[in-house]
């Protein structure tokens, strides 16, 4: 190298550099995890909305069939027994069976009961991912500040600033771990 352009790095600065590199790597991972959590939250919100819309459609159909069956039964009361009343009774029974299937259809998983359970599960997963995303964001912020302070320690030679930066890095790692194992613990 040209004379005067060579940089001398102390052992302390080398250690600080390694700490900065580790924090930067963890920061990259937390940023990616935060983006994944945000995408999951949006996807789950849409899926929950679609599931509740399907539930509402089933509920409207069931209520319409109930009302139609009730109306047909009342109308049939004024008729004499015979083929016409038998056909009406059969149709009312079909509609009531359809209403029962709309209420619960474990075979297809598309009854209102099953849709309610599914929607609640999706919402719970969404809340879990949203909480994880917040923890990843806190982790990223702590790691960014840690990198900033550690970098300032290299420039200023004030090693105590590097310790604060490393401490923030540890806090960032703790938030990242919390996001993975217990995202609702702090919120």
C-alpha atoms as a PDB file:
ATOM      1  CA  UNK A   1       0.000   0.000   0.000  1.00  0.00           C
ATOM      2  CA  UNK A   2       0.992   3.602  -0.402  1.00  0.00           C
ATOM      3  CA  UNK A   3       2.839   5.082   2.513  1.00  0.00           C
ATOM      4  CA  UNK A   4       0.554   6.766   5.029  1.00  0.00           C
ATOM      5  CA  UNK A   5      -2.574   4.989   3.806  1.00  0.00           C
ATOM      6  CA  UNK A   6      -2.192   1.914   5.975  1.00  0.00           C
ATOM      7  CA  UNK A   7      -4.653   1.743   8.841  1.00  0.00           C
ATOM      8  CA  UNK A   8      -3.708   0.309  12.176  1.00  0.00           C
ATOM      9  CA  UNK A   9      -6.483  -1.528  13.948  1.00  0.00           C
ATOM     10  CA  UNK A  10      -6.144  -2.313  17.584  1.00  0.00           C
ATOM     11  CA  UNK A  11      -7.272  -5.646  18.951  1.00  0.00           C
ATOM     12  CA  UNK A  12     -10.168  -3.834  20.631  1.00  0.00           C
ATOM     13  CA  UNK A  13     -11.352  -2.404  17.311  1.00  0.00           C
ATOM     14  CA  UNK A  14     -11.121  -5.859  15.731  1.00  0.00           C
ATOM     15  CA  UNK A  15     -13.321  -7.277  18.481  1.00  0.00           C
ATOM     16  CA  UNK A  16     -15.771  -4.417  18.096  1.00  0.00           C
ATOM     17  CA  UNK A  17     -15.804  -5.071  14.336  1.00  0.00           C
ATOM     18  CA  UNK A  18     -16.731  -8.704  14.942  1.00  0.00           C
ATOM     19  CA  UNK A  19     -19.510  -7.622  17.309  1.00  0.00           C
ATOM     20  CA  UNK A  20     -20.799  -5.209  14.657  1.00  0.00           C
ATOM     21  CA  UNK A  21     -20.741  -7.978  12.033  1.00  0.00           C
ATOM     22  CA  UNK A  22     -22.669 -10.363  14.301  1.00  0.00           C
ATOM     23  CA  UNK A  23     -25.256  -7.686  15.128  1.00  0.00           C
ATOM     24  CA  UNK A  24     -25.602  -6.866  11.415  1.00  0.00           C
ATOM     25  CA  UNK A  25     -26.212 -10.530  10.597  1.00  0.00           C
ATOM     26  CA  UNK A  26     -28.848 -10.837  13.324  1.00  0.00           C
ATOM     27  CA  UNK A  27     -30.362  -7.555  12.125  1.00  0.00           C
ATOM     28  CA  UNK A  28     -30.724  -8.943   8.606  1.00  0.00           C
ATOM     29  CA  UNK A  29     -32.481 -12.024   9.978  1.00  0.00           C
ATOM     30  CA  UNK A  30     -34.844  -9.995  12.181  1.00  0.00           C
ATOM     31  CA  UNK A  31     -35.722  -7.681   9.300  1.00  0.00           C
ATOM     32  CA  UNK A  32     -36.574 -10.681   7.107  1.00  0.00           C
ATOM     33  CA  UNK A  33     -38.594 -12.260   9.921  1.00  0.00           C
ATOM     34  CA  UNK A  34     -40.455  -8.984  10.502  1.00  0.00           C
ATOM     35  CA  UNK A  35     -41.385  -8.812   6.805  1.00  0.00           C
ATOM     36  CA  UNK A  36     -42.565 -12.437   6.884  1.00  0.00           C
ATOM     37  CA  UNK A  37     -44.684 -11.722   9.960  1.00  0.00           C
ATOM     38  CA  UNK A  38     -46.236  -8.695   8.230  1.00  0.00           C
ATOM     39  CA  UNK A  39     -47.050 -10.737   5.123  1.00  0.00           C
ATOM     40  CA  UNK A  40     -48.547 -13.493   7.287  1.00  0.00           C
ATOM     41  CA  UNK A  41     -50.664 -10.912   9.131  1.00  0.00           C
ATOM     42  CA  UNK A  42     -52.057  -9.488   5.902  1.00  0.00           C
ATOM     43  CA  UNK A  43     -52.699 -12.951   4.436  1.00  0.00           C
ATOM     44  CA  UNK A  44     -54.450 -14.098   7.624  1.00  0.00           C
ATOM     45  CA  UNK A  45     -56.565 -10.933   7.689  1.00  0.00           C
ATOM     46  CA  UNK A  46     -57.760 -11.617   4.149  1.00  0.00           C
ATOM     47  CA  UNK A  47     -58.358 -15.313   4.874  1.00  0.00           C
ATOM     48  CA  UNK A  48     -60.316 -14.510   8.048  1.00  0.00           C
ATOM     49  CA  UNK A  49     -62.398 -11.963   6.157  1.00  0.00           C
ATOM     50  CA  UNK A  50     -63.144 -14.480   3.406  1.00  0.00           C
ATOM     51  CA  UNK A  51     -64.080 -17.130   5.968  1.00  0.00           C
ATOM     52  CA  UNK A  52     -66.438 -14.757   7.806  1.00  0.00           C
ATOM     53  CA  UNK A  53     -67.991 -13.744   4.474  1.00  0.00           C
ATOM     54  CA  UNK A  54     -68.604 -17.426   3.668  1.00  0.00           C
ATOM     55  CA  UNK A  55     -70.144 -17.838   7.149  1.00  0.00           C
ATOM     56  CA  UNK A  56     -72.440 -14.854   6.510  1.00  0.00           C
ATOM     57  CA  UNK A  57     -73.508 -16.267   3.149  1.00  0.00           C
ATOM     58  CA  UNK A  58     -74.364 -19.602   4.804  1.00  0.00           C
ATOM     59  CA  UNK A  59     -76.241 -17.780   7.558  1.00  0.00           C
ATOM     60  CA  UNK A  60     -78.264 -15.724   5.068  1.00  0.00           C
ATOM     61  CA  UNK A  61     -79.118 -18.852   3.068  1.00  0.00           C
ATOM     62  CA  UNK A  62     -80.117 -20.714   6.241  1.00  0.00           C
ATOM     63  CA  UNK A  63     -82.323 -17.854   7.440  1.00  0.00           C
ATOM     64  CA  UNK A  64     -83.947 -17.543   4.021  1.00  0.00           C
ATOM     65  CA  UNK A  65     -84.667 -21.290   3.912  1.00  0.00           C
ATOM     66  CA  UNK A  66     -86.044 -21.236   7.486  1.00  0.00           C
ATOM     67  CA  UNK A  67     -88.369 -18.364   6.661  1.00  0.00           C
ATOM     68  CA  UNK A  68     -89.462 -19.997   3.412  1.00  0.00           C
ATOM     69  CA  UNK A  69     -90.087 -23.320   5.186  1.00  0.00           C
ATOM     70  CA  UNK A  70     -92.116 -21.590   7.910  1.00  0.00           C
ATOM     71  CA  UNK A  71     -94.123 -19.671   5.320  1.00  0.00           C
ATOM     72  CA  UNK A  72     -94.805 -22.804   3.287  1.00  0.00           C
ATOM     73  CA  UNK A  73     -95.892 -24.726   6.411  1.00  0.00           C
ATOM     74  CA  UNK A  74     -98.316 -21.956   7.362  1.00  0.00           C
ATOM     75  CA  UNK A  75     -99.707 -21.845   3.828  1.00  0.00           C
ATOM     76  CA  UNK A  76    -100.134 -25.641   3.845  1.00  0.00           C
ATOM     77  CA  UNK A  77    -102.286 -25.481   6.984  1.00  0.00           C
ATOM     78  CA  UNK A  78    -105.194 -24.159   4.947  1.00  0.00           C
ATOM     79  CA  UNK A  79    -104.964 -27.018   2.440  1.00  0.00           C
ATOM     80  CA  UNK A  80    -106.669 -30.380   2.677  1.00  0.00           C
ATOM     81  CA  UNK A  81    -104.424 -33.392   3.135  1.00  0.00           C
ATOM     82  CA  UNK A  82    -103.372 -34.920  -0.138  1.00  0.00           C
ATOM     83  CA  UNK A  83    -100.665 -34.941  -2.780  1.00  0.00           C
ATOM     84  CA  UNK A  84    -100.145 -31.197  -2.598  1.00  0.00           C
ATOM     85  CA  UNK A  85     -99.644 -31.139   1.196  1.00  0.00           C
ATOM     86  CA  UNK A  86     -97.355 -34.191   0.958  1.00  0.00           C
ATOM     87  CA  UNK A  87     -95.208 -32.379  -1.629  1.00  0.00           C
ATOM     88  CA  UNK A  88     -95.102 -29.295   0.571  1.00  0.00           C
ATOM     89  CA  UNK A  89     -94.145 -31.373   3.625  1.00  0.00           C
ATOM     90  CA  UNK A  90     -91.378 -33.065   1.633  1.00  0.00           C
ATOM     91  CA  UNK A  91     -90.020 -29.719   0.412  1.00  0.00           C
ATOM     92  CA  UNK A  92     -90.105 -28.265   3.946  1.00  0.00           C
ATOM     93  CA  UNK A  93     -88.189 -31.317   5.240  1.00  0.00           C
ATOM     94  CA  UNK A  94     -85.579 -30.889   2.476  1.00  0.00           C
ATOM     95  CA  UNK A  95     -85.137 -27.216   3.338  1.00  0.00           C
ATOM     96  CA  UNK A  96     -84.827 -27.938   7.059  1.00  0.00           C
ATOM     97  CA  UNK A  97     -82.212 -30.640   6.318  1.00  0.00           C
ATOM     98  CA  UNK A  98     -80.309 -28.104   4.215  1.00  0.00           C
ATOM     99  CA  UNK A  99     -80.481 -25.593   7.088  1.00  0.00           C
ATOM    100  CA  UNK A 100     -79.009 -28.224   9.438  1.00  0.00           C
ATOM    101  CA  UNK A 101     -76.194 -28.838   6.940  1.00  0.00           C
ATOM    102  CA  UNK A 102     -75.551 -25.082   6.714  1.00  0.00           C
ATOM    103  CA  UNK A 103     -75.338 -24.970  10.509  1.00  0.00           C
ATOM    104  CA  UNK A 104     -72.840 -27.833  10.742  1.00  0.00           C
ATOM    105  CA  UNK A 105     -71.188 -29.827   7.989  1.00  0.00           C
ATOM    106  CA  UNK A 106     -68.200 -31.658   9.485  1.00  0.00           C
ATOM    107  CA  UNK A 107     -67.748 -33.755   6.345  1.00  0.00           C
ATOM    108  CA  UNK A 108     -66.965 -30.739   4.152  1.00  0.00           C
ATOM    109  CA  UNK A 109     -65.970 -28.409   6.990  1.00  0.00           C
ATOM    110  CA  UNK A 110     -68.195 -25.727   5.538  1.00  0.00           C
ATOM    111  CA  UNK A 111     -70.995 -25.450   8.089  1.00  0.00           C
ATOM    112  CA  UNK A 112     -71.353 -22.272  10.126  1.00  0.00           C
ATOM    113  CA  UNK A 113     -69.965 -24.037  13.208  1.00  0.00           C
ATOM    114  CA  UNK A 114     -66.878 -25.233  11.331  1.00  0.00           C
ATOM    115  CA  UNK A 115     -66.426 -21.865   9.627  1.00  0.00           C
ATOM    116  CA  UNK A 116     -66.603 -20.109  12.996  1.00  0.00           C
ATOM    117  CA  UNK A 117     -63.933 -22.402  14.428  1.00  0.00           C
ATOM    118  CA  UNK A 118     -61.761 -21.931  11.341  1.00  0.00           C
ATOM    119  CA  UNK A 119     -62.106 -18.131  11.420  1.00  0.00           C
ATOM    120  CA  UNK A 120     -61.229 -17.994  15.119  1.00  0.00           C
ATOM    121  CA  UNK A 121     -58.130 -20.106  14.432  1.00  0.00           C
ATOM    122  CA  UNK A 122     -57.050 -17.814  11.604  1.00  0.00           C
ATOM    123  CA  UNK A 123     -57.570 -14.716  13.747  1.00  0.00           C
ATOM    124  CA  UNK A 124     -55.541 -16.248  16.590  1.00  0.00           C
ATOM    125  CA  UNK A 125     -52.701 -17.036  14.174  1.00  0.00           C
ATOM    126  CA  UNK A 126     -52.893 -13.497  12.777  1.00  0.00           C
ATOM    127  CA  UNK A 127     -52.614 -12.002  16.260  1.00  0.00           C
ATOM    128  CA  UNK A 128     -49.652 -14.270  17.013  1.00  0.00           C
ATOM    129  CA  UNK A 129     -47.843 -13.192  13.837  1.00  0.00           C
ATOM    130  CA  UNK A 130     -48.678  -9.536  14.433  1.00  0.00           C
ATOM    131  CA  UNK A 131     -47.211  -9.695  17.946  1.00  0.00           C
ATOM    132  CA  UNK A 132     -44.139 -11.490  16.594  1.00  0.00           C
ATOM    133  CA  UNK A 133     -43.745  -8.772  13.966  1.00  0.00           C
ATOM    134  CA  UNK A 134     -43.760  -6.077  16.655  1.00  0.00           C
ATOM    135  CA  UNK A 135     -41.102  -7.930  18.636  1.00  0.00           C
ATOM    136  CA  UNK A 136     -38.969  -8.319  15.502  1.00  0.00           C
ATOM    137  CA  UNK A 137     -39.301  -4.565  14.921  1.00  0.00           C
ATOM    138  CA  UNK A 138     -38.117  -3.872  18.484  1.00  0.00           C
ATOM    139  CA  UNK A 139     -35.241  -6.299  17.913  1.00  0.00           C
ATOM    140  CA  UNK A 140     -34.277  -4.503  14.717  1.00  0.00           C
ATOM    141  CA  UNK A 141     -34.340  -1.113  16.401  1.00  0.00           C
ATOM    142  CA  UNK A 142     -32.149  -2.306  19.281  1.00  0.00           C
ATOM    143  CA  UNK A 143     -29.698  -3.944  16.882  1.00  0.00           C
ATOM    144  CA  UNK A 144     -29.498  -0.833  14.694  1.00  0.00           C
ATOM    145  CA  UNK A 145     -28.741   1.325  17.711  1.00  0.00           C
ATOM    146  CA  UNK A 146     -26.211  -1.233  18.912  1.00  0.00           C
ATOM    147  CA  UNK A 147     -24.442  -1.186  15.542  1.00  0.00           C
ATOM    148  CA  UNK A 148     -24.461   2.616  15.547  1.00  0.00           C
ATOM    149  CA  UNK A 149     -22.944   2.846  19.021  1.00  0.00           C
ATOM    150  CA  UNK A 150     -20.367   0.137  18.366  1.00  0.00           C
ATOM    151  CA  UNK A 151     -19.354   1.916  15.161  1.00  0.00           C
ATOM    152  CA  UNK A 152     -19.046   5.176  17.077  1.00  0.00           C
ATOM    153  CA  UNK A 153     -16.775   3.411  19.575  1.00  0.00           C
ATOM    154  CA  UNK A 154     -14.405   2.429  16.772  1.00  0.00           C
ATOM    155  CA  UNK A 155     -14.248   6.015  15.512  1.00  0.00           C
ATOM    156  CA  UNK A 156     -14.014   7.723  18.911  1.00  0.00           C
ATOM    157  CA  UNK A 157     -11.948   5.126  20.727  1.00  0.00           C
ATOM    158  CA  UNK A 158     -14.419   5.202  23.633  1.00  0.00           C
ATOM    159  CA  UNK A 159     -14.736   1.517  24.423  1.00  0.00           C
ATOM    160  CA  UNK A 160     -17.560   2.030  26.924  1.00  0.00           C
ATOM    161  CA  UNK A 161     -19.814   3.075  24.007  1.00  0.00           C
ATOM    162  CA  UNK A 162     -19.135  -0.328  22.429  1.00  0.00           C
ATOM    163  CA  UNK A 163     -20.320  -2.022  25.619  1.00  0.00           C
ATOM    164  CA  UNK A 164     -23.578  -0.104  25.477  1.00  0.00           C
ATOM    165  CA  UNK A 165     -23.895  -1.038  21.797  1.00  0.00           C
ATOM    166  CA  UNK A 166     -23.255  -4.701  22.581  1.00  0.00           C
ATOM    167  CA  UNK A 167     -25.843  -4.516  25.377  1.00  0.00           C
ATOM    168  CA  UNK A 168     -28.391  -3.167  22.910  1.00  0.00           C
ATOM    169  CA  UNK A 169     -27.417  -6.009  20.572  1.00  0.00           C
ATOM    170  CA  UNK A 170     -28.171  -8.515  23.331  1.00  0.00           C
ATOM    171  CA  UNK A 171     -31.523  -6.814  23.931  1.00  0.00           C
ATOM    172  CA  UNK A 172     -32.210  -7.091  20.193  1.00  0.00           C
ATOM    173  CA  UNK A 173     -31.421 -10.796  20.232  1.00  0.00           C
ATOM    174  CA  UNK A 174     -33.714 -11.254  23.243  1.00  0.00           C
ATOM    175  CA  UNK A 175     -36.568  -9.535  21.398  1.00  0.00           C
ATOM    176  CA  UNK A 176     -35.951 -11.771  18.368  1.00  0.00           C
ATOM    177  CA  UNK A 177     -36.047 -14.896  20.518  1.00  0.00           C
ATOM    178  CA  UNK A 178     -39.180 -13.608  22.231  1.00  0.00           C
ATOM    179  CA  UNK A 179     -40.808 -13.097  18.834  1.00  0.00           C
ATOM    180  CA  UNK A 180     -40.160 -16.739  18.010  1.00  0.00           C
ATOM    181  CA  UNK A 181     -41.157 -18.423  21.263  1.00  0.00           C
ATOM    182  CA  UNK A 182     -43.591 -16.122  23.109  1.00  0.00           C
ATOM    183  CA  UNK A 183     -44.645 -13.133  21.026  1.00  0.00           C
ATOM    184  CA  UNK A 184     -47.476 -12.103  23.391  1.00  0.00           C
ATOM    185  CA  UNK A 185     -45.352 -12.158  26.542  1.00  0.00           C
ATOM    186  CA  UNK A 186     -44.800  -8.379  26.646  1.00  0.00           C
ATOM    187  CA  UNK A 187     -48.005  -7.230  25.023  1.00  0.00           C
END
